[in-house]
Amino acid sequence: MKKLAYVFGALLIASSMQLGAAETWTKVSMVDTMCALKVKADPDKHTRECALQCAKGGFGIVAADGTYLKFDKAGNDQATALLKASKAADHIRVTVTGTRKGETIEVASLQAAN
């Protein structure tokens, strides 16, 4: 009976946790990985031109708590396309939906939020 209670408790806890669930980050600053530390204090001043020059290093967002979260390959491809289509000089804000895996986001969608 004790084992059954432990198994039931473990199942209950596991079912209440949503590991790998999609999250959305709304109107967050998007910067390239190479400049992330340099512009962390004020990512809105980071220019679109610089981000495109540093695109090979990938992209990510500065979350509300100041954490830099990198994009996966699909996210990097979407970020490059978004920047190329953008007319904004700086203040690059996006809304990202995806699954966080450590310090990386597996991007499902990426949209300009300017």
PDB file of N, CA and C in Angstrom:
ATOM      1  N   MET A   1       0.825  -1.192   0.000  1.00  0.00           N
ATOM      2  CA  MET A   1       0.000   0.000   0.000  1.00  0.00           C
ATOM      3  C   MET A   1       0.872   1.259   0.000  1.00  0.00           C
ATOM      4  N   LYS A   2       1.965   1.191   0.749  1.00  0.00           N
ATOM      5  CA  LYS A   2       2.863   2.336   0.820  1.00  0.00           C
ATOM      6  C   LYS A   2       3.467   2.618  -0.557  1.00  0.00           C
ATOM      7  N   LYS A   3       3.845   1.558  -1.276  1.00  0.00           N
ATOM      8  CA  LYS A   3       4.410   1.730  -2.612  1.00  0.00           C
ATOM      9  C   LYS A   3       3.393   2.369  -3.546  1.00  0.00           C
ATOM     10  N   LEU A   4       2.160   1.936  -3.435  1.00  0.00           N
ATOM     11  CA  LEU A   4       1.103   2.494  -4.272  1.00  0.00           C
ATOM     12  C   LEU A   4       0.932   3.992  -4.004  1.00  0.00           C
ATOM     13  N   ALA A   5       1.021   4.392  -2.763  1.00  0.00           N
ATOM     14  CA  ALA A   5       0.901   5.804  -2.401  1.00  0.00           C
ATOM     15  C   ALA A   5       2.060   6.605  -2.988  1.00  0.00           C
ATOM     16  N   TYR A   6       3.286   6.051  -2.942  1.00  0.00           N
ATOM     17  CA  TYR A   6       4.437   6.727  -3.522  1.00  0.00           C
ATOM     18  C   TYR A   6       4.294   6.866  -5.037  1.00  0.00           C
ATOM     19  N   VAL A   7       3.852   5.804  -5.693  1.00  0.00           N
ATOM     20  CA  VAL A   7       3.675   5.831  -7.139  1.00  0.00           C
ATOM     21  C   VAL A   7       2.610   6.850  -7.512  1.00  0.00           C
ATOM     22  N   PHE A   8       1.493   6.833  -6.799  1.00  0.00           N
ATOM     23  CA  PHE A   8       0.422   7.783  -7.065  1.00  0.00           C
ATOM     24  C   PHE A   8       0.904   9.220  -6.850  1.00  0.00           C
ATOM     25  N   GLY A   9       1.642   9.459  -5.791  1.00  0.00           N
ATOM     26  CA  GLY A   9       2.183  10.795  -5.509  1.00  0.00           C
ATOM     27  C   GLY A   9       3.130  11.248  -6.605  1.00  0.00           C
ATOM     28  N   ALA A  10       3.991  10.351  -7.052  1.00  0.00           N
ATOM     29  CA  ALA A  10       4.938  10.692  -8.121  1.00  0.00           C
ATOM     30  C   ALA A  10       4.200  11.014  -9.415  1.00  0.00           C
ATOM     31  N   LEU A  11       3.189  10.246  -9.739  1.00  0.00           N
ATOM     32  CA  LEU A  11       2.401  10.500 -10.943  1.00  0.00           C
ATOM     33  C   LEU A  11       1.664  11.830 -10.854  1.00  0.00           C
ATOM     34  N   LEU A  12       1.151  12.127  -9.685  1.00  0.00           N
ATOM     35  CA  LEU A  12       0.443  13.378  -9.480  1.00  0.00           C
ATOM     36  C   LEU A  12       1.374  14.571  -9.672  1.00  0.00           C
ATOM     37  N   ILE A  13       2.554  14.476  -9.107  1.00  0.00           N
ATOM     38  CA  ILE A  13       3.545  15.554  -9.251  1.00  0.00           C
ATOM     39  C   ILE A  13       3.971  15.690 -10.705  1.00  0.00           C
ATOM     40  N   ALA A  14       4.264  14.573 -11.360  1.00  0.00           N
ATOM     41  CA  ALA A  14       4.702  14.604 -12.756  1.00  0.00           C
ATOM     42  C   ALA A  14       3.626  15.179 -13.663  1.00  0.00           C
ATOM     43  N   SER A  15       2.370  14.853 -13.400  1.00  0.00           N
ATOM     44  CA  SER A  15       1.302  15.361 -14.253  1.00  0.00           C
ATOM     45  C   SER A  15       1.065  16.851 -14.036  1.00  0.00           C
ATOM     46  N   SER A  16       1.372  17.355 -12.866  1.00  0.00           N
ATOM     47  CA  SER A  16       1.163  18.780 -12.604  1.00  0.00           C
ATOM     48  C   SER A  16       2.286  19.638 -13.177  1.00  0.00           C
ATOM     49  N   MET A  17       3.429  19.038 -13.441  1.00  0.00           N
ATOM     50  CA  MET A  17       4.548  19.772 -14.030  1.00  0.00           C
ATOM     51  C   MET A  17       4.397  19.775 -15.538  1.00  0.00           C
ATOM     52  N   GLN A  18       4.607  20.906 -16.152  1.00  0.00           N
ATOM     53  CA  GLN A  18       4.491  20.994 -17.597  1.00  0.00           C
ATOM     54  C   GLN A  18       5.878  21.189 -18.189  1.00  0.00           C
ATOM     55  N   LEU A  19       6.680  20.156 -18.089  1.00  0.00           N
ATOM     56  CA  LEU A  19       8.025  20.230 -18.626  1.00  0.00           C
ATOM     57  C   LEU A  19       7.952  20.296 -20.143  1.00  0.00           C
ATOM     58  N   GLY A  20       8.675  21.211 -20.722  1.00  0.00           N
ATOM     59  CA  GLY A  20       8.709  21.318 -22.164  1.00  0.00           C
ATOM     60  C   GLY A  20       7.493  22.018 -22.748  1.00  0.00           C
ATOM     61  N   ALA A  21       6.713  22.685 -21.923  1.00  0.00           N
ATOM     62  CA  ALA A  21       5.532  23.396 -22.425  1.00  0.00           C
ATOM     63  C   ALA A  21       5.960  24.679 -23.123  1.00  0.00           C
ATOM     64  N   ALA A  22       5.191  25.060 -24.131  1.00  0.00           N
ATOM     65  CA  ALA A  22       5.486  26.285 -24.867  1.00  0.00           C
ATOM     66  C   ALA A  22       5.267  27.508 -23.966  1.00  0.00           C
ATOM     67  N   GLU A  23       6.137  28.486 -24.151  1.00  0.00           N
ATOM     68  CA  GLU A  23       6.040  29.748 -23.424  1.00  0.00           C
ATOM     69  C   GLU A  23       6.018  30.880 -24.443  1.00  0.00           C
ATOM     70  N   THR A  24       5.590  32.045 -24.008  1.00  0.00           N
ATOM     71  CA  THR A  24       5.618  33.225 -24.872  1.00  0.00           C
ATOM     72  C   THR A  24       6.316  34.358 -24.131  1.00  0.00           C
ATOM     73  N   TRP A  25       7.253  34.987 -24.822  1.00  0.00           N
ATOM     74  CA  TRP A  25       7.939  36.171 -24.320  1.00  0.00           C
ATOM     75  C   TRP A  25       7.446  37.321 -25.188  1.00  0.00           C
ATOM     76  N   THR A  26       6.822  38.314 -24.572  1.00  0.00           N
ATOM     77  CA  THR A  26       6.162  39.387 -25.308  1.00  0.00           C
ATOM     78  C   THR A  26       6.944  40.694 -25.241  1.00  0.00           C
ATOM     79  N   LYS A  27       7.138  41.298 -26.402  1.00  0.00           N
ATOM     80  CA  LYS A  27       7.800  42.599 -26.538  1.00  0.00           C
ATOM     81  C   LYS A  27       9.147  42.658 -25.820  1.00  0.00           C
ATOM     82  N   VAL A  28       9.993  41.647 -26.092  1.00  0.00           N
ATOM     83  CA  VAL A  28      11.327  41.596 -25.504  1.00  0.00           C
ATOM     84  C   VAL A  28      12.362  42.020 -26.540  1.00  0.00           C
ATOM     85  N   SER A  29      13.492  42.496 -26.074  1.00  0.00           N
ATOM     86  CA  SER A  29      14.558  42.939 -26.971  1.00  0.00           C
ATOM     87  C   SER A  29      15.250  41.738 -27.602  1.00  0.00           C
ATOM     88  N   MET A  30      15.447  41.799 -28.913  1.00  0.00           N
ATOM     89  CA  MET A  30      16.183  40.764 -29.627  1.00  0.00           C
ATOM     90  C   MET A  30      17.542  41.333 -30.018  1.00  0.00           C
ATOM     91  N   VAL A  31      18.597  40.598 -29.697  1.00  0.00           N
ATOM     92  CA  VAL A  31      19.959  41.007 -30.041  1.00  0.00           C
ATOM     93  C   VAL A  31      20.728  39.790 -30.528  1.00  0.00           C
ATOM     94  N   ASP A  32      21.844  40.056 -31.193  1.00  0.00           N
ATOM     95  CA  ASP A  32      22.687  38.944 -31.617  1.00  0.00           C
ATOM     96  C   ASP A  32      23.523  38.443 -30.440  1.00  0.00           C
ATOM     97  N   THR A  33      23.907  37.194 -30.503  1.00  0.00           N
ATOM     98  CA  THR A  33      24.642  36.549 -29.410  1.00  0.00           C
ATOM     99  C   THR A  33      26.001  37.196 -29.178  1.00  0.00           C
ATOM    100  N   MET A  34      26.656  37.620 -30.254  1.00  0.00           N
ATOM    101  CA  MET A  34      27.994  38.205 -30.115  1.00  0.00           C
ATOM    102  C   MET A  34      27.975  39.507 -29.310  1.00  0.00           C
ATOM    103  N   CYS A  35      26.887  40.256 -29.375  1.00  0.00           N
ATOM    104  CA  CYS A  35      26.803  41.542 -28.683  1.00  0.00           C
ATOM    105  C   CYS A  35      25.968  41.489 -27.402  1.00  0.00           C
ATOM    106  N   ALA A  36      25.429  40.334 -27.061  1.00  0.00           N
ATOM    107  CA  ALA A  36      24.475  40.231 -25.946  1.00  0.00           C
ATOM    108  C   ALA A  36      25.025  40.796 -24.638  1.00  0.00           C
ATOM    109  N   LEU A  37      26.228  40.434 -24.264  1.00  0.00           N
ATOM    110  CA  LEU A  37      26.791  40.940 -23.001  1.00  0.00           C
ATOM    111  C   LEU A  37      27.074  42.431 -23.070  1.00  0.00           C
ATOM    112  N   LYS A  38      27.542  42.877 -24.216  1.00  0.00           N
ATOM    113  CA  LYS A  38      27.907  44.282 -24.380  1.00  0.00           C
ATOM    114  C   LYS A  38      26.686  45.207 -24.279  1.00  0.00           C
ATOM    115  N   VAL A  39      25.534  44.756 -24.781  1.00  0.00           N
ATOM    116  CA  VAL A  39      24.354  45.621 -24.822  1.00  0.00           C
ATOM    117  C   VAL A  39      23.303  45.264 -23.765  1.00  0.00           C
ATOM    118  N   LYS A  40      23.652  44.371 -22.856  1.00  0.00           N
ATOM    119  CA  LYS A  40      22.691  43.891 -21.864  1.00  0.00           C
ATOM    120  C   LYS A  40      22.049  45.022 -21.052  1.00  0.00           C
ATOM    121  N   ALA A  41      22.817  46.047 -20.728  1.00  0.00           N
ATOM    122  CA  ALA A  41      22.302  47.148 -19.912  1.00  0.00           C
ATOM    123  C   ALA A  41      21.235  47.956 -20.643  1.00  0.00           C
ATOM    124  N   ASP A  42      21.339  48.070 -21.971  1.00  0.00           N
ATOM    125  CA  ASP A  42      20.361  48.824 -22.745  1.00  0.00           C
ATOM    126  C   ASP A  42      20.234  48.218 -24.143  1.00  0.00           C
ATOM    127  N   PRO A  43      19.605  47.054 -24.248  1.00  0.00           N
ATOM    128  CA  PRO A  43      19.530  46.355 -25.536  1.00  0.00           C
ATOM    129  C   PRO A  43      18.749  47.112 -26.611  1.00  0.00           C
ATOM    130  N   ASP A  44      17.904  48.045 -26.234  1.00  0.00           N
ATOM    131  CA  ASP A  44      17.140  48.795 -27.229  1.00  0.00           C
ATOM    132  C   ASP A  44      18.021  49.694 -28.090  1.00  0.00           C
ATOM    133  N   LYS A  45      19.203  50.034 -27.612  1.00  0.00           N
ATOM    134  CA  LYS A  45      20.120  50.866 -28.395  1.00  0.00           C
ATOM    135  C   LYS A  45      20.918  50.054 -29.412  1.00  0.00           C
ATOM    136  N   HIS A  46      20.850  48.730 -29.326  1.00  0.00           N
ATOM    137  CA  HIS A  46      21.571  47.875 -30.270  1.00  0.00           C
ATOM    138  C   HIS A  46      20.936  48.028 -31.653  1.00  0.00           C
ATOM    139  N   THR A  47      21.761  48.251 -32.655  1.00  0.00           N
ATOM    140  CA  THR A  47      21.225  48.556 -33.981  1.00  0.00           C
ATOM    141  C   THR A  47      20.934  47.304 -34.808  1.00  0.00           C
ATOM    142  N   ARG A  48      19.994  47.461 -35.704  1.00  0.00           N
ATOM    143  CA  ARG A  48      19.637  46.410 -36.656  1.00  0.00           C
ATOM    144  C   ARG A  48      20.853  46.073 -37.531  1.00  0.00           C
ATOM    145  N   GLU A  49      21.570  47.108 -37.956  1.00  0.00           N
ATOM    146  CA  GLU A  49      22.749  46.919 -38.805  1.00  0.00           C
ATOM    147  C   GLU A  49      23.802  46.044 -38.119  1.00  0.00           C
ATOM    148  N   CYS A  50      24.066  46.318 -36.850  1.00  0.00           N
ATOM    149  CA  CYS A  50      25.040  45.519 -36.098  1.00  0.00           C
ATOM    150  C   CYS A  50      24.556  44.073 -35.963  1.00  0.00           C
ATOM    151  N   ALA A  51      23.278  43.908 -35.657  1.00  0.00           N
ATOM    152  CA  ALA A  51      22.725  42.562 -35.505  1.00  0.00           C
ATOM    153  C   ALA A  51      22.885  41.756 -36.789  1.00  0.00           C
ATOM    154  N   LEU A  52      22.653  42.386 -37.932  1.00  0.00           N
ATOM    155  CA  LEU A  52      22.807  41.679 -39.206  1.00  0.00           C
ATOM    156  C   LEU A  52      24.275  41.350 -39.488  1.00  0.00           C
ATOM    157  N   GLN A  53      25.183  42.239 -39.107  1.00  0.00           N
ATOM    158  CA  GLN A  53      26.613  41.974 -39.303  1.00  0.00           C
ATOM    159  C   GLN A  53      27.087  40.801 -38.446  1.00  0.00           C
ATOM    160  N   CYS A  54      26.462  40.623 -37.289  1.00  0.00           N
ATOM    161  CA  CYS A  54      26.862  39.568 -36.356  1.00  0.00           C
ATOM    162  C   CYS A  54      25.943  38.342 -36.427  1.00  0.00           C
ATOM    163  N   ALA A  55      25.159  38.229 -37.488  1.00  0.00           N
ATOM    164  CA  ALA A  55      24.137  37.182 -37.602  1.00  0.00           C
ATOM    165  C   ALA A  55      24.701  35.764 -37.523  1.00  0.00           C
ATOM    166  N   LYS A  56      25.930  35.554 -37.961  1.00  0.00           N
ATOM    167  CA  LYS A  56      26.511  34.202 -37.940  1.00  0.00           C
ATOM    168  C   LYS A  56      26.575  33.617 -36.539  1.00  0.00           C
ATOM    169  N   GLY A  57      26.652  34.475 -35.523  1.00  0.00           N
ATOM    170  CA  GLY A  57      26.717  34.015 -34.131  1.00  0.00           C
ATOM    171  C   GLY A  57      25.357  33.648 -33.560  1.00  0.00           C
ATOM    172  N   GLY A  58      24.287  33.966 -34.293  1.00  0.00           N
ATOM    173  CA  GLY A  58      22.940  33.645 -33.835  1.00  0.00           C
ATOM    174  C   GLY A  58      22.313  34.797 -33.077  1.00  0.00           C
ATOM    175  N   PHE A  59      21.066  34.571 -32.664  1.00  0.00           N
ATOM    176  CA  PHE A  59      20.279  35.597 -31.996  1.00  0.00           C
ATOM    177  C   PHE A  59      19.631  35.044 -30.741  1.00  0.00           C
ATOM    178  N   GLY A  60      19.046  35.960 -29.988  1.00  0.00           N
ATOM    179  CA  GLY A  60      18.306  35.581 -28.795  1.00  0.00           C
ATOM    180  C   GLY A  60      17.593  36.794 -28.243  1.00  0.00           C
ATOM    181  N   ILE A  61      17.042  36.621 -27.060  1.00  0.00           N
ATOM    182  CA  ILE A  61      16.309  37.717 -26.414  1.00  0.00           C
ATOM    183  C   ILE A  61      16.898  37.989 -25.041  1.00  0.00           C
ATOM    184  N   VAL A  62      16.683  39.203 -24.586  1.00  0.00           N
ATOM    185  CA  VAL A  62      16.990  39.570 -23.211  1.00  0.00           C
ATOM    186  C   VAL A  62      15.657  39.488 -22.471  1.00  0.00           C
ATOM    187  N   ALA A  63      15.513  38.463 -21.634  1.00  0.00           N
ATOM    188  CA  ALA A  63      14.270  38.247 -20.907  1.00  0.00           C
ATOM    189  C   ALA A  63      14.067  39.329 -19.851  1.00  0.00           C
ATOM    190  N   ALA A  64      12.875  39.380 -19.291  1.00  0.00           N
ATOM    191  CA  ALA A  64      12.528  40.400 -18.297  1.00  0.00           C
ATOM    192  C   ALA A  64      13.479  40.406 -17.099  1.00  0.00           C
ATOM    193  N   ASP A  65      14.009  39.235 -16.741  1.00  0.00           N
ATOM    194  CA  ASP A  65      14.921  39.154 -15.599  1.00  0.00           C
ATOM    195  C   ASP A  65      16.377  39.426 -15.980  1.00  0.00           C
ATOM    196  N   GLY A  66      16.618  39.821 -17.254  1.00  0.00           N
ATOM    197  CA  GLY A  66      17.968  40.125 -17.710  1.00  0.00           C
ATOM    198  C   GLY A  66      18.719  38.936 -18.273  1.00  0.00           C
ATOM    199  N   THR A  67      18.132  37.764 -18.240  1.00  0.00           N
ATOM    200  CA  THR A  67      18.757  36.557 -18.780  1.00  0.00           C
ATOM    201  C   THR A  67      18.751  36.603 -20.302  1.00  0.00           C
ATOM    202  N   TYR A  68      19.874  36.189 -20.908  1.00  0.00           N
ATOM    203  CA  TYR A  68      19.933  36.098 -22.365  1.00  0.00           C
ATOM    204  C   TYR A  68      19.595  34.668 -22.753  1.00  0.00           C
ATOM    205  N   LEU A  69      18.574  34.514 -23.576  1.00  0.00           N
ATOM    206  CA  LEU A  69      18.147  33.197 -24.051  1.00  0.00           C
ATOM    207  C   LEU A  69      18.388  33.124 -25.548  1.00  0.00           C
ATOM    208  N   LYS A  70      19.200  32.160 -25.968  1.00  0.00           N
ATOM    209  CA  LYS A  70      19.550  31.991 -27.380  1.00  0.00           C
ATOM    210  C   LYS A  70      18.437  31.286 -28.138  1.00  0.00           C
ATOM    211  N   PHE A  71      18.366  31.545 -29.433  1.00  0.00           N
ATOM    212  CA  PHE A  71      17.432  30.854 -30.307  1.00  0.00           C
ATOM    213  C   PHE A  71      18.080  29.611 -30.891  1.00  0.00           C
ATOM    214  N   ASP A  72      17.265  28.634 -31.229  1.00  0.00           N
ATOM    215  CA  ASP A  72      17.733  27.470 -31.976  1.00  0.00           C
ATOM    216  C   ASP A  72      17.919  27.884 -33.444  1.00  0.00           C
ATOM    217  N   LYS A  73      18.310  26.939 -34.300  1.00  0.00           N
ATOM    218  CA  LYS A  73      18.569  27.265 -35.705  1.00  0.00           C
ATOM    219  C   LYS A  73      17.333  27.858 -36.381  1.00  0.00           C
ATOM    220  N   ALA A  74      16.178  27.262 -36.163  1.00  0.00           N
ATOM    221  CA  ALA A  74      14.945  27.783 -36.777  1.00  0.00           C
ATOM    222  C   ALA A  74      14.685  29.220 -36.324  1.00  0.00           C
ATOM    223  N   GLY A  75      14.915  29.490 -35.067  1.00  0.00           N
ATOM    224  CA  GLY A  75      14.740  30.843 -34.546  1.00  0.00           C
ATOM    225  C   GLY A  75      15.733  31.823 -35.153  1.00  0.00           C
ATOM    226  N   ASN A  76      16.974  31.373 -35.317  1.00  0.00           N
ATOM    227  CA  ASN A  76      17.986  32.229 -35.937  1.00  0.00           C
ATOM    228  C   ASN A  76      17.614  32.568 -37.375  1.00  0.00           C
ATOM    229  N   ASP A  77      17.096  31.589 -38.101  1.00  0.00           N
ATOM    230  CA  ASP A  77      16.670  31.827 -39.480  1.00  0.00           C
ATOM    231  C   ASP A  77      15.512  32.830 -39.520  1.00  0.00           C
ATOM    232  N   GLN A  78      14.554  32.677 -38.617  1.00  0.00           N
ATOM    233  CA  GLN A  78      13.419  33.605 -38.554  1.00  0.00           C
ATOM    234  C   GLN A  78      13.880  35.008 -38.163  1.00  0.00           C
ATOM    235  N   ALA A  79      14.829  35.086 -37.226  1.00  0.00           N
ATOM    236  CA  ALA A  79      15.345  36.378 -36.771  1.00  0.00           C
ATOM    237  C   ALA A  79      16.057  37.108 -37.906  1.00  0.00           C
ATOM    238  N   THR A  80      16.848  36.382 -38.677  1.00  0.00           N
ATOM    239  CA  THR A  80      17.554  36.995 -39.808  1.00  0.00           C
ATOM    240  C   THR A  80      16.555  37.544 -40.817  1.00  0.00           C
ATOM    241  N   ALA A  81      15.538  36.765 -41.150  1.00  0.00           N
ATOM    242  CA  ALA A  81      14.517  37.211 -42.094  1.00  0.00           C
ATOM    243  C   ALA A  81      13.772  38.436 -41.558  1.00  0.00           C
ATOM    244  N   LEU A  82      13.450  38.410 -40.282  1.00  0.00           N
ATOM    245  CA  LEU A  82      12.738  39.524 -39.660  1.00  0.00           C
ATOM    246  C   LEU A  82      13.577  40.794 -39.728  1.00  0.00           C
ATOM    247  N   LEU A  83      14.872  40.689 -39.404  1.00  0.00           N
ATOM    248  CA  LEU A  83      15.745  41.863 -39.434  1.00  0.00           C
ATOM    249  C   LEU A  83      15.922  42.402 -40.846  1.00  0.00           C
ATOM    250  N   LYS A  84      16.058  41.509 -41.819  1.00  0.00           N
ATOM    251  CA  LYS A  84      16.214  41.950 -43.206  1.00  0.00           C
ATOM    252  C   LYS A  84      14.976  42.684 -43.703  1.00  0.00           C
ATOM    253  N   ALA A  85      13.806  42.280 -43.247  1.00  0.00           N
ATOM    254  CA  ALA A  85      12.547  42.905 -43.667  1.00  0.00           C
ATOM    255  C   ALA A  85      12.216  44.169 -42.878  1.00  0.00           C
ATOM    256  N   SER A  86      12.875  44.356 -41.745  1.00  0.00           N
ATOM    257  CA  SER A  86      12.563  45.480 -40.857  1.00  0.00           C
ATOM    258  C   SER A  86      13.134  46.798 -41.375  1.00  0.00           C
ATOM    259  N   LYS A  87      12.443  47.860 -41.070  1.00  0.00           N
ATOM    260  CA  LYS A  87      12.924  49.213 -41.380  1.00  0.00           C
ATOM    261  C   LYS A  87      13.464  49.907 -40.128  1.00  0.00           C
ATOM    262  N   ALA A  88      13.296  49.278 -38.965  1.00  0.00           N
ATOM    263  CA  ALA A  88      13.738  49.868 -37.702  1.00  0.00           C
ATOM    264  C   ALA A  88      15.261  49.964 -37.657  1.00  0.00           C
ATOM    265  N   ALA A  89      15.770  51.068 -37.144  1.00  0.00           N
ATOM    266  CA  ALA A  89      17.216  51.250 -37.009  1.00  0.00           C
ATOM    267  C   ALA A  89      17.731  50.589 -35.735  1.00  0.00           C
ATOM    268  N   ASP A  90      16.909  50.586 -34.691  1.00  0.00           N
ATOM    269  CA  ASP A  90      17.271  49.990 -33.405  1.00  0.00           C
ATOM    270  C   ASP A  90      15.974  49.677 -32.664  1.00  0.00           C
ATOM    271  N   HIS A  91      16.059  49.423 -31.378  1.00  0.00           N
ATOM    272  CA  HIS A  91      14.873  49.131 -30.574  1.00  0.00           C
ATOM    273  C   HIS A  91      14.106  47.939 -31.173  1.00  0.00           C
ATOM    274  N   ILE A  92      14.830  46.852 -31.415  1.00  0.00           N
ATOM    275  CA  ILE A  92      14.244  45.667 -32.038  1.00  0.00           C
ATOM    276  C   ILE A  92      13.547  44.835 -30.967  1.00  0.00           C
ATOM    277  N   ARG A  93      12.237  44.881 -30.973  1.00  0.00           N
ATOM    278  CA  ARG A  93      11.422  44.137 -30.014  1.00  0.00           C
ATOM    279  C   ARG A  93      10.655  43.052 -30.748  1.00  0.00           C
ATOM    280  N   VAL A  94      10.538  41.888 -30.107  1.00  0.00           N
ATOM    281  CA  VAL A  94       9.845  40.750 -30.705  1.00  0.00           C
ATOM    282  C   VAL A  94       8.953  40.059 -29.688  1.00  0.00           C
ATOM    283  N   THR A  95       8.049  39.252 -30.204  1.00  0.00           N
ATOM    284  CA  THR A  95       7.272  38.329 -29.392  1.00  0.00           C
ATOM    285  C   THR A  95       7.642  36.938 -29.874  1.00  0.00           C
ATOM    286  N   VAL A  96       8.103  36.110 -28.944  1.00  0.00           N
ATOM    287  CA  VAL A  96       8.593  34.777 -29.266  1.00  0.00           C
ATOM    288  C   VAL A  96       7.745  33.737 -28.550  1.00  0.00           C
ATOM    289  N   THR A  97       7.368  32.697 -29.281  1.00  0.00           N
ATOM    290  CA  THR A  97       6.718  31.547 -28.678  1.00  0.00           C
ATOM    291  C   THR A  97       7.595  30.344 -28.962  1.00  0.00           C
ATOM    292  N   GLY A  98       7.851  29.566 -27.923  1.00  0.00           N
ATOM    293  CA  GLY A  98       8.691  28.388 -28.089  1.00  0.00           C
ATOM    294  C   GLY A  98       8.861  27.649 -26.785  1.00  0.00           C
ATOM    295  N   THR A  99       9.722  26.661 -26.820  1.00  0.00           N
ATOM    296  CA  THR A  99       9.996  25.827 -25.662  1.00  0.00           C
ATOM    297  C   THR A  99      11.399  26.109 -25.166  1.00  0.00           C
ATOM    298  N   ARG A 100      11.507  26.449 -23.906  1.00  0.00           N
ATOM    299  CA  ARG A 100      12.822  26.731 -23.314  1.00  0.00           C
ATOM    300  C   ARG A 100      13.488  25.424 -22.907  1.00  0.00           C
ATOM    301  N   LYS A 101      14.716  25.268 -23.369  1.00  0.00           N
ATOM    302  CA  LYS A 101      15.547  24.117 -23.013  1.00  0.00           C
ATOM    303  C   LYS A 101      16.852  24.686 -22.469  1.00  0.00           C
ATOM    304  N   GLY A 102      16.932  24.842 -21.157  1.00  0.00           N
ATOM    305  CA  GLY A 102      18.098  25.471 -20.544  1.00  0.00           C
ATOM    306  C   GLY A 102      18.135  26.943 -20.913  1.00  0.00           C
ATOM    307  N   GLU A 103      19.200  27.356 -21.583  1.00  0.00           N
ATOM    308  CA  GLU A 103      19.356  28.754 -21.989  1.00  0.00           C
ATOM    309  C   GLU A 103      19.045  28.953 -23.468  1.00  0.00           C
ATOM    310  N   THR A 104      18.364  27.987 -24.074  1.00  0.00           N
ATOM    311  CA  THR A 104      18.007  28.057 -25.484  1.00  0.00           C
ATOM    312  C   THR A 104      16.498  27.952 -25.644  1.00  0.00           C
ATOM    313  N   ILE A 105      15.969  28.675 -26.613  1.00  0.00           N
ATOM    314  CA  ILE A 105      14.546  28.586 -26.940  1.00  0.00           C
ATOM    315  C   ILE A 105      14.416  27.872 -28.283  1.00  0.00           C
ATOM    316  N   GLU A 106      13.639  26.801 -28.307  1.00  0.00           N
ATOM    317  CA  GLU A 106      13.261  26.169 -29.565  1.00  0.00           C
ATOM    318  C   GLU A 106      12.078  26.978 -30.084  1.00  0.00           C
ATOM    319  N   VAL A 107      12.343  27.833 -31.048  1.00  0.00           N
ATOM    320  CA  VAL A 107      11.379  28.834 -31.498  1.00  0.00           C
ATOM    321  C   VAL A 107      10.295  28.206 -32.380  1.00  0.00           C
ATOM    322  N   ALA A 108       9.052  28.436 -31.997  1.00  0.00           N
ATOM    323  CA  ALA A 108       7.918  28.022 -32.807  1.00  0.00           C
ATOM    324  C   ALA A 108       7.442  29.191 -33.670  1.00  0.00           C
ATOM    325  N   SER A 109       7.452  30.400 -33.099  1.00  0.00           N
ATOM    326  CA  SER A 109       7.094  31.586 -33.880  1.00  0.00           C
ATOM    327  C   SER A 109       7.842  32.806 -33.345  1.00  0.00           C
ATOM    328  N   LEU A 110       8.119  33.713 -34.260  1.00  0.00           N
ATOM    329  CA  LEU A 110       8.844  34.941 -33.941  1.00  0.00           C
ATOM    330  C   LEU A 110       8.216  36.068 -34.748  1.00  0.00           C
ATOM    331  N   GLN A 111       7.762  37.107 -34.048  1.00  0.00           N
ATOM    332  CA  GLN A 111       7.100  38.224 -34.726  1.00  0.00           C
ATOM    333  C   GLN A 111       7.647  39.542 -34.195  1.00  0.00           C
ATOM    334  N   ALA A 112       7.733  40.516 -35.083  1.00  0.00           N
ATOM    335  CA  ALA A 112       8.130  41.865 -34.668  1.00  0.00           C
ATOM    336  C   ALA A 112       7.059  42.425 -33.758  1.00  0.00           C
ATOM    337  N   ALA A 113       7.499  43.119 -32.717  1.00  0.00           N
ATOM    338  CA  ALA A 113       6.557  43.688 -31.744  1.00  0.00           C
ATOM    339  C   ALA A 113       6.701  45.201 -31.656  1.00  0.00           C
ATOM    340  N   ASN A 114       7.346  45.795 -32.631  1.00  0.00           N
ATOM    341  CA  ASN A 114       7.551  47.254 -32.612  1.00  0.00           C
ATOM    342  C   ASN A 114       6.277  47.983 -32.914  1.00  0.00           C
TER     343      ASN A 114
END
